[in-house]
């Protein structure tokens, strides 16, 4: 997957290809812009999942 973009959660850098260790990578993404937005997307997903879990607990 060398043509895919990744977000490195340790460094905050966006990388083209599988450069970093898998544990540090978020992705893959088709574009650099998508990878740059990874922290936002992760927060959105976490918030949505927490809301879903809270709803299930009711």
Protein backbone atom coordinates (compact mmCIF):
# COMPACT_ATOMS: atom_id res chain seq x y z
CA UNK A 1 0.00 0.00 0.00
CA UNK A 2 2.70 2.45 -0.91
CA UNK A 3 0.22 4.65 -2.76
CA UNK A 4 -1.90 5.26 0.34
CA UNK A 5 -1.56 8.00 2.95
CA UNK A 6 -1.25 7.33 6.68
CA UNK A 7 -1.40 9.47 9.80
CA UNK A 8 1.32 8.79 12.37
CA UNK A 9 -0.35 9.08 15.78
CA UNK A 10 2.99 9.36 17.60
CA UNK A 11 4.53 12.15 15.54
CA UNK A 12 1.40 13.80 14.11
CA UNK A 13 2.94 13.57 10.64
CA UNK A 14 1.25 12.41 7.45
CA UNK A 15 3.19 9.78 5.50
CA UNK A 16 2.94 8.33 2.01
CA UNK A 17 3.29 4.57 2.30
CA UNK A 18 3.81 2.29 5.26
CA UNK A 19 6.80 4.11 6.73
CA UNK A 20 6.08 3.93 10.46
CA UNK A 21 5.35 0.95 12.67
CA UNK A 22 1.81 -0.35 12.24
CA UNK A 23 0.93 0.47 15.87
CA UNK A 24 1.58 4.17 15.15
CA UNK A 25 -0.31 4.37 11.83
CA UNK A 26 -3.92 5.37 11.25
CA UNK A 27 -5.31 4.71 7.81
CA UNK A 28 -4.96 4.07 4.99
CA UNK A 29 -6.39 7.15 3.30
CA UNK A 30 -6.68 7.87 -0.41
CA UNK A 31 -5.51 11.47 -0.14
CA UNK A 32 -3.12 13.50 1.98
CA UNK A 33 -6.01 15.78 3.01
CA UNK A 34 -7.95 12.82 4.41
CA UNK A 35 -4.91 11.67 6.38
CA UNK A 36 -4.37 15.18 7.76
CA UNK A 37 -7.94 15.09 9.05
CA UNK A 38 -7.39 11.77 10.89
CA UNK A 39 -7.29 13.25 14.43
CA UNK A 40 -10.61 15.01 13.82
CA UNK A 41 -12.14 11.85 12.37
CA UNK A 42 -10.92 9.79 15.33
CA UNK A 43 -12.52 12.25 17.76
CA UNK A 44 -15.77 12.22 15.80
CA UNK A 45 -15.84 8.42 15.79
CA UNK A 46 -15.06 8.20 19.52
CA UNK A 47 -17.82 10.68 20.33
CA UNK A 48 -20.33 8.83 18.13
CA UNK A 49 -19.42 5.45 19.65
CA UNK A 50 -19.71 6.83 23.19
CA UNK A 51 -23.16 8.23 22.35
CA UNK A 52 -24.22 4.89 20.86
CA UNK A 53 -23.00 3.00 23.94
CA UNK A 54 -24.78 5.42 26.26
CA UNK A 55 -27.98 4.94 24.25
CA UNK A 56 -27.63 1.14 24.48
CA UNK A 57 -27.20 1.36 28.25
CA UNK A 58 -30.55 3.11 28.66
